[in-house]
Amino acid sequence: MLEMLNAEDGKEIEVIGDEDLLKKFKLLLLSLNQEIIVEEKNRIVYRKRA
């Protein structure tokens, strides 16, 4: 997961996993001020911000 946070700024990244994992990942994204574009049961798409 941490590798995904090293992506280029502005790039959209899709993360697929179980609900529990994605809940934790969503909290991480929000704490790092990342833009969540799509949020579904097994999937999150976010845009990497600096």
PDB file of N, CA and C in Angstrom:
ATOM      1  N   MET A   1       0.809  -1.200   0.000  1.00  0.00           N
ATOM      2  CA  MET A   1       0.000   0.000   0.000  1.00  0.00           C
ATOM      3  C   MET A   1       0.848   1.259   0.000  1.00  0.00           C
ATOM      4  N   LEU A   2       1.930   1.262   0.737  1.00  0.00           N
ATOM      5  CA  LEU A   2       2.747   2.472   0.792  1.00  0.00           C
ATOM      6  C   LEU A   2       3.361   2.801  -0.558  1.00  0.00           C
ATOM      7  N   GLU A   3       3.593   1.786  -1.395  1.00  0.00           N
ATOM      8  CA  GLU A   3       4.117   2.035  -2.738  1.00  0.00           C
ATOM      9  C   GLU A   3       3.143   2.884  -3.540  1.00  0.00           C
ATOM     10  N   MET A   4       1.846   2.683  -3.338  1.00  0.00           N
ATOM     11  CA  MET A   4       0.841   3.455  -4.070  1.00  0.00           C
ATOM     12  C   MET A   4       0.912   4.930  -3.712  1.00  0.00           C
ATOM     13  N   LEU A   5       1.317   5.240  -2.503  1.00  0.00           N
ATOM     14  CA  LEU A   5       1.413   6.633  -2.082  1.00  0.00           C
ATOM     15  C   LEU A   5       2.616   7.330  -2.706  1.00  0.00           C
ATOM     16  N   ASN A   6       3.542   6.556  -3.275  1.00  0.00           N
ATOM     17  CA  ASN A   6       4.713   7.129  -3.930  1.00  0.00           C
ATOM     18  C   ASN A   6       4.467   7.417  -5.403  1.00  0.00           C
ATOM     19  N   ALA A   7       3.259   7.258  -5.885  1.00  0.00           N
ATOM     20  CA  ALA A   7       2.922   7.496  -7.291  1.00  0.00           C
ATOM     21  C   ALA A   7       3.069   8.978  -7.625  1.00  0.00           C
ATOM     22  N   GLU A   8       3.067   9.267  -8.931  1.00  0.00           N
ATOM     23  CA  GLU A   8       3.183  10.651  -9.400  1.00  0.00           C
ATOM     24  C   GLU A   8       1.972  11.472  -8.959  1.00  0.00           C
ATOM     25  N   ASP A   9       2.198  12.749  -8.685  1.00  0.00           N
ATOM     26  CA  ASP A   9       1.103  13.658  -8.332  1.00  0.00           C
ATOM     27  C   ASP A   9       0.115  13.755  -9.485  1.00  0.00           C
ATOM     28  N   GLY A  10      -1.176  13.786  -9.167  1.00  0.00           N
ATOM     29  CA  GLY A  10      -2.232  13.902 -10.166  1.00  0.00           C
ATOM     30  C   GLY A  10      -2.668  12.587 -10.772  1.00  0.00           C
ATOM     31  N   LYS A  11      -1.943  11.518 -10.509  1.00  0.00           N
ATOM     32  CA  LYS A  11      -2.280  10.210 -11.073  1.00  0.00           C
ATOM     33  C   LYS A  11      -3.428   9.586 -10.283  1.00  0.00           C
ATOM     34  N   GLU A  12      -4.391   8.985 -11.015  1.00  0.00           N
ATOM     35  CA  GLU A  12      -5.488   8.271 -10.360  1.00  0.00           C
ATOM     36  C   GLU A  12      -5.044   6.840 -10.086  1.00  0.00           C
ATOM     37  N   ILE A  13      -5.315   6.360  -8.887  1.00  0.00           N
ATOM     38  CA  ILE A  13      -4.870   5.037  -8.463  1.00  0.00           C
ATOM     39  C   ILE A  13      -6.070   4.264  -7.946  1.00  0.00           C
ATOM     40  N   GLU A  14      -6.215   3.021  -8.408  1.00  0.00           N
ATOM     41  CA  GLU A  14      -7.314   2.152  -7.989  1.00  0.00           C
ATOM     42  C   GLU A  14      -6.777   1.129  -6.997  1.00  0.00           C
ATOM     43  N   VAL A  15      -7.484   0.977  -5.888  1.00  0.00           N
ATOM     44  CA  VAL A  15      -7.116   0.010  -4.862  1.00  0.00           C
ATOM     45  C   VAL A  15      -8.296  -0.930  -4.678  1.00  0.00           C
ATOM     46  N   ILE A  16      -8.036  -2.234  -4.794  1.00  0.00           N
ATOM     47  CA  ILE A  16      -9.080  -3.244  -4.642  1.00  0.00           C
ATOM     48  C   ILE A  16      -8.702  -4.138  -3.464  1.00  0.00           C
ATOM     49  N   GLY A  17      -9.678  -4.420  -2.600  1.00  0.00           N
ATOM     50  CA  GLY A  17      -9.420  -5.265  -1.447  1.00  0.00           C
ATOM     51  C   GLY A  17     -10.696  -5.517  -0.676  1.00  0.00           C
ATOM     52  N   ASP A  18     -10.552  -6.176   0.470  1.00  0.00           N
ATOM     53  CA  ASP A  18     -11.743  -6.444   1.281  1.00  0.00           C
ATOM     54  C   ASP A  18     -12.147  -5.166   2.025  1.00  0.00           C
ATOM     55  N   GLU A  19     -13.359  -5.155   2.513  1.00  0.00           N
ATOM     56  CA  GLU A  19     -13.929  -3.953   3.137  1.00  0.00           C
ATOM     57  C   GLU A  19     -13.096  -3.447   4.312  1.00  0.00           C
ATOM     58  N   ASP A  20     -12.616  -4.350   5.151  1.00  0.00           N
ATOM     59  CA  ASP A  20     -11.847  -3.951   6.329  1.00  0.00           C
ATOM     60  C   ASP A  20     -10.544  -3.255   5.921  1.00  0.00           C
ATOM     61  N   LEU A  21      -9.851  -3.833   4.957  1.00  0.00           N
ATOM     62  CA  LEU A  21      -8.606  -3.246   4.464  1.00  0.00           C
ATOM     63  C   LEU A  21      -8.859  -1.863   3.866  1.00  0.00           C
ATOM     64  N   LEU A  22      -9.925  -1.735   3.077  1.00  0.00           N
ATOM     65  CA  LEU A  22     -10.215  -0.457   2.430  1.00  0.00           C
ATOM     66  C   LEU A  22     -10.643   0.617   3.428  1.00  0.00           C
ATOM     67  N   LYS A  23     -11.309   0.225   4.508  1.00  0.00           N
ATOM     68  CA  LYS A  23     -11.663   1.200   5.548  1.00  0.00           C
ATOM     69  C   LYS A  23     -10.399   1.801   6.155  1.00  0.00           C
ATOM     70  N   LYS A  24      -9.420   0.941   6.430  1.00  0.00           N
ATOM     71  CA  LYS A  24      -8.155   1.409   7.001  1.00  0.00           C
ATOM     72  C   LYS A  24      -7.399   2.267   5.993  1.00  0.00           C
ATOM     73  N   PHE A  25      -7.406   1.846   4.734  1.00  0.00           N
ATOM     74  CA  PHE A  25      -6.703   2.595   3.701  1.00  0.00           C
ATOM     75  C   PHE A  25      -7.357   3.957   3.481  1.00  0.00           C
ATOM     76  N   LYS A  26      -8.688   4.003   3.567  1.00  0.00           N
ATOM     77  CA  LYS A  26      -9.401   5.276   3.413  1.00  0.00           C
ATOM     78  C   LYS A  26      -8.989   6.251   4.512  1.00  0.00           C
ATOM     79  N   LEU A  27      -8.887   5.781   5.741  1.00  0.00           N
ATOM     80  CA  LEU A  27      -8.443   6.642   6.842  1.00  0.00           C
ATOM     81  C   LEU A  27      -7.039   7.170   6.591  1.00  0.00           C
ATOM     82  N   LEU A  28      -6.177   6.311   6.060  1.00  0.00           N
ATOM     83  CA  LEU A  28      -4.819   6.730   5.724  1.00  0.00           C
ATOM     84  C   LEU A  28      -4.839   7.807   4.644  1.00  0.00           C
ATOM     85  N   LEU A  29      -5.642   7.588   3.600  1.00  0.00           N
ATOM     86  CA  LEU A  29      -5.743   8.572   2.517  1.00  0.00           C
ATOM     87  C   LEU A  29      -6.246   9.916   3.038  1.00  0.00           C
ATOM     88  N   LEU A  30      -7.279   9.883   3.861  1.00  0.00           N
ATOM     89  CA  LEU A  30      -7.839  11.123   4.400  1.00  0.00           C
ATOM     90  C   LEU A  30      -6.834  11.841   5.299  1.00  0.00           C
ATOM     91  N   SER A  31      -6.079  11.085   6.086  1.00  0.00           N
ATOM     92  CA  SER A  31      -5.090  11.715   6.962  1.00  0.00           C
ATOM     93  C   SER A  31      -3.956  12.346   6.162  1.00  0.00           C
ATOM     94  N   LEU A  32      -3.722  11.840   4.949  1.00  0.00           N
ATOM     95  CA  LEU A  32      -2.679  12.393   4.076  1.00  0.00           C
ATOM     96  C   LEU A  32      -3.245  13.396   3.072  1.00  0.00           C
ATOM     97  N   ASN A  33      -4.519  13.766   3.239  1.00  0.00           N
ATOM     98  CA  ASN A  33      -5.196  14.761   2.399  1.00  0.00           C
ATOM     99  C   ASN A  33      -5.217  14.360   0.920  1.00  0.00           C
ATOM    100  N   GLN A  34      -5.485  13.094   0.637  1.00  0.00           N
ATOM    101  CA  GLN A  34      -5.602  12.618  -0.737  1.00  0.00           C
ATOM    102  C   GLN A  34      -7.061  12.714  -1.178  1.00  0.00           C
ATOM    103  N   GLU A  35      -7.288  12.890  -2.468  1.00  0.00           N
ATOM    104  CA  GLU A  35      -8.640  13.068  -3.011  1.00  0.00           C
ATOM    105  C   GLU A  35      -9.241  11.715  -3.392  1.00  0.00           C
ATOM    106  N   ILE A  36     -10.300  11.300  -2.704  1.00  0.00           N
ATOM    107  CA  ILE A  36     -10.987  10.054  -3.037  1.00  0.00           C
ATOM    108  C   ILE A  36     -12.012  10.369  -4.120  1.00  0.00           C
ATOM    109  N   ILE A  37     -11.916   9.667  -5.249  1.00  0.00           N
ATOM    110  CA  ILE A  37     -12.782   9.919  -6.397  1.00  0.00           C
ATOM    111  C   ILE A  37     -13.965   8.960  -6.400  1.00  0.00           C
ATOM    112  N   VAL A  38     -13.699   7.668  -6.205  1.00  0.00           N
ATOM    113  CA  VAL A  38     -14.739   6.641  -6.206  1.00  0.00           C
ATOM    114  C   VAL A  38     -14.552   5.789  -4.962  1.00  0.00           C
ATOM    115  N   GLU A  39     -15.658   5.514  -4.275  1.00  0.00           N
ATOM    116  CA  GLU A  39     -15.614   4.643  -3.108  1.00  0.00           C
ATOM    117  C   GLU A  39     -16.739   3.630  -3.234  1.00  0.00           C
ATOM    118  N   GLU A  40     -16.373   2.362  -3.360  1.00  0.00           N
ATOM    119  CA  GLU A  40     -17.339   1.272  -3.460  1.00  0.00           C
ATOM    120  C   GLU A  40     -17.002   0.229  -2.409  1.00  0.00           C
ATOM    121  N   LYS A  41     -17.781  -0.820  -2.364  1.00  0.00           N
ATOM    122  CA  LYS A  41     -17.604  -1.855  -1.346  1.00  0.00           C
ATOM    123  C   LYS A  41     -16.188  -2.441  -1.357  1.00  0.00           C
ATOM    124  N   ASN A  42     -15.677  -2.824  -2.525  1.00  0.00           N
ATOM    125  CA  ASN A  42     -14.371  -3.490  -2.609  1.00  0.00           C
ATOM    126  C   ASN A  42     -13.328  -2.646  -3.330  1.00  0.00           C
ATOM    127  N   ARG A  43     -13.592  -1.355  -3.530  1.00  0.00           N
ATOM    128  CA  ARG A  43     -12.731  -0.574  -4.413  1.00  0.00           C
ATOM    129  C   ARG A  43     -12.724   0.901  -4.019  1.00  0.00           C
ATOM    130  N   ILE A  44     -11.537   1.481  -4.071  1.00  0.00           N
ATOM    131  CA  ILE A  44     -11.369   2.920  -3.893  1.00  0.00           C
ATOM    132  C   ILE A  44     -10.494   3.414  -5.040  1.00  0.00           C
ATOM    133  N   VAL A  45     -10.875   4.536  -5.621  1.00  0.00           N
ATOM    134  CA  VAL A  45     -10.028   5.212  -6.605  1.00  0.00           C
ATOM    135  C   VAL A  45      -9.728   6.584  -6.017  1.00  0.00           C
ATOM    136  N   TYR A  46      -8.448   6.921  -5.979  1.00  0.00           N
ATOM    137  CA  TYR A  46      -8.082   8.226  -5.443  1.00  0.00           C
ATOM    138  C   TYR A  46      -7.077   8.903  -6.353  1.00  0.00           C
ATOM    139  N   ARG A  47      -6.979  10.216  -6.205  1.00  0.00           N
ATOM    140  CA  ARG A  47      -6.018  11.003  -6.980  1.00  0.00           C
ATOM    141  C   ARG A  47      -4.900  11.433  -6.045  1.00  0.00           C
ATOM    142  N   LYS A  48      -3.691  11.120  -6.443  1.00  0.00           N
ATOM    143  CA  LYS A  48      -2.505  11.458  -5.652  1.00  0.00           C
ATOM    144  C   LYS A  48      -2.285  12.962  -5.643  1.00  0.00           C
ATOM    145  N   ARG A  49      -2.147  13.533  -4.460  1.00  0.00           N
ATOM    146  CA  ARG A  49      -1.841  14.959  -4.290  1.00  0.00           C
ATOM    147  C   ARG A  49      -0.502  15.100  -3.591  1.00  0.00           C
ATOM    148  N   ALA A  50       0.137  16.203  -3.838  1.00  0.00           N
ATOM    149  CA  ALA A  50       1.434  16.476  -3.191  1.00  0.00           C
ATOM    150  C   ALA A  50       1.247  16.757  -1.720  1.00  0.00           C
TER     151      ALA A  50
END
